[in-house]
Amino acid sequence: MNEDVRLTAWVRGRVQGVGFRWYTRATALEIGGLSGFALNLEDGRVQVVAEGAREACEKLLDWLRTGDTPGHVTGVTEIWATPRGGYEGFAMR
């Protein structure tokens, strides 16, 4: 079953100032069917929130962990939840 989910991921490493949010947005749009955002946090991490089909969210999470991301990812922590809605497209914040 490919139900809709909400993925919240916190990405650690050298992920700010290297185009990471832009590439995350581009990857989410390429995967398709995802809405949400990528946000720089004050502690140097990037928070990624994506809502859509579980399979699409899993693809984005796989890219965050093992893809050809800009900068250098040292770790990703994620939680899964029920979608809340309210997003139009995928944004950089």
Protein backbone atom coordinates (compact mmCIF):
# COMPACT_ATOMS: atom_id res chain seq x y z
CA MET A 1 0.00 0.00 0.00
CA ASN A 2 1.35 3.41 -0.94
CA GLU A 3 -0.51 5.67 1.49
CA ASP A 4 0.24 9.36 1.88
CA VAL A 5 2.68 10.23 4.66
CA ARG A 6 4.62 13.14 6.11
CA LEU A 7 8.40 12.81 6.28
CA THR A 8 10.39 15.20 8.45
CA ALA A 9 14.15 14.80 8.11
CA TRP A 10 17.02 16.67 9.74
CA VAL A 11 20.20 16.58 7.67
CA ARG A 12 23.58 17.07 9.37
CA GLY A 13 26.95 17.90 7.88
CA ARG A 14 28.17 20.67 5.59
CA VAL A 15 24.74 21.34 4.11
CA GLN A 16 24.35 25.12 4.32
CA GLY A 17 25.78 27.57 1.82
CA VAL A 18 26.32 24.85 -0.79
CA GLY A 19 22.98 24.81 -2.65
CA PHE A 20 21.61 21.91 -0.61
CA ARG A 21 18.07 23.31 -0.27
CA TRP A 22 17.89 24.12 -3.98
CA TYR A 23 18.96 20.59 -4.95
CA THR A 24 16.56 19.09 -2.39
CA ARG A 25 13.69 21.05 -3.96
CA ALA A 26 14.80 20.06 -7.48
CA THR A 27 15.01 16.39 -6.45
CA ALA A 28 11.56 16.49 -4.80
CA LEU A 29 10.09 18.02 -7.97
CA GLU A 30 11.86 15.41 -10.11
CA ILE A 31 10.47 12.57 -7.98
CA GLY A 32 7.03 14.16 -8.31
CA GLY A 33 3.93 14.20 -6.16
CA LEU A 34 5.66 15.77 -3.15
CA SER A 35 4.87 19.00 -1.34
CA GLY A 36 6.74 20.59 1.52
CA PHE A 37 9.92 22.56 2.09
CA ALA A 38 13.63 22.63 2.92
CA LEU A 39 14.76 25.04 5.65
CA ASN A 40 18.16 26.06 7.03
CA LEU A 41 18.27 25.77 10.82
CA GLU A 42 20.38 27.96 13.10
CA ASP A 43 22.44 24.97 14.29
CA GLY A 44 23.73 24.24 10.75
CA ARG A 45 21.31 21.45 9.87
CA VAL A 46 18.70 21.49 7.10
CA GLN A 47 15.15 20.43 7.92
CA VAL A 48 13.23 18.77 5.10
CA VAL A 49 9.47 18.25 5.31
CA ALA A 50 7.85 16.27 2.49
CA GLU A 51 4.30 15.04 2.12
CA GLY A 52 3.05 12.62 -0.50
CA ALA A 53 3.05 8.94 -1.32
CA ARG A 54 5.26 6.86 0.98
CA GLU A 55 7.26 5.56 -2.00
CA ALA A 56 8.06 9.11 -3.15
CA CYS A 57 9.04 10.20 0.37
CA GLU A 58 11.27 7.13 0.69
CA LYS A 59 13.00 8.04 -2.59
CA LEU A 60 13.69 11.54 -1.29
CA LEU A 61 15.01 10.14 2.00
CA ASP A 62 17.28 7.72 0.11
CA TRP A 63 18.64 10.66 -1.91
CA LEU A 64 19.25 12.67 1.26
CA ARG A 65 21.22 9.76 2.71
CA THR A 66 23.08 8.35 -0.27
CA GLY A 67 22.48 10.58 -3.26
CA ASP A 68 24.79 12.97 -5.00
CA THR A 69 23.98 15.85 -2.67
CA PRO A 70 25.90 19.12 -2.57
CA GLY A 71 28.12 19.63 0.46
CA HIS A 72 28.74 16.66 2.72
CA VAL A 73 26.01 14.80 4.62
CA THR A 74 27.18 13.14 7.83
CA GLY A 75 23.78 11.93 9.01
CA VAL A 76 20.02 12.08 8.59
CA THR A 77 17.40 11.63 11.30
CA GLU A 78 13.78 11.21 10.25
CA ILE A 79 10.31 10.81 11.65
CA TRP A 80 7.16 9.65 9.85
CA ALA A 81 3.68 11.00 10.52
CA THR A 82 0.25 11.59 9.04
CA PRO A 83 0.22 14.40 6.44
CA ARG A 84 -1.07 17.77 7.65
CA GLY A 85 -1.45 19.41 4.25
CA GLY A 86 -1.29 23.12 3.59
CA TYR A 87 1.71 23.11 1.23
CA GLU A 88 1.60 24.15 -2.40
CA GLY A 89 4.52 22.62 -4.24
CA PHE A 90 7.95 22.25 -2.69
CA ALA A 91 9.61 25.41 -1.36
CA MET A 92 12.94 26.64 -0.07
CA ARG A 93 12.52 28.56 3.15
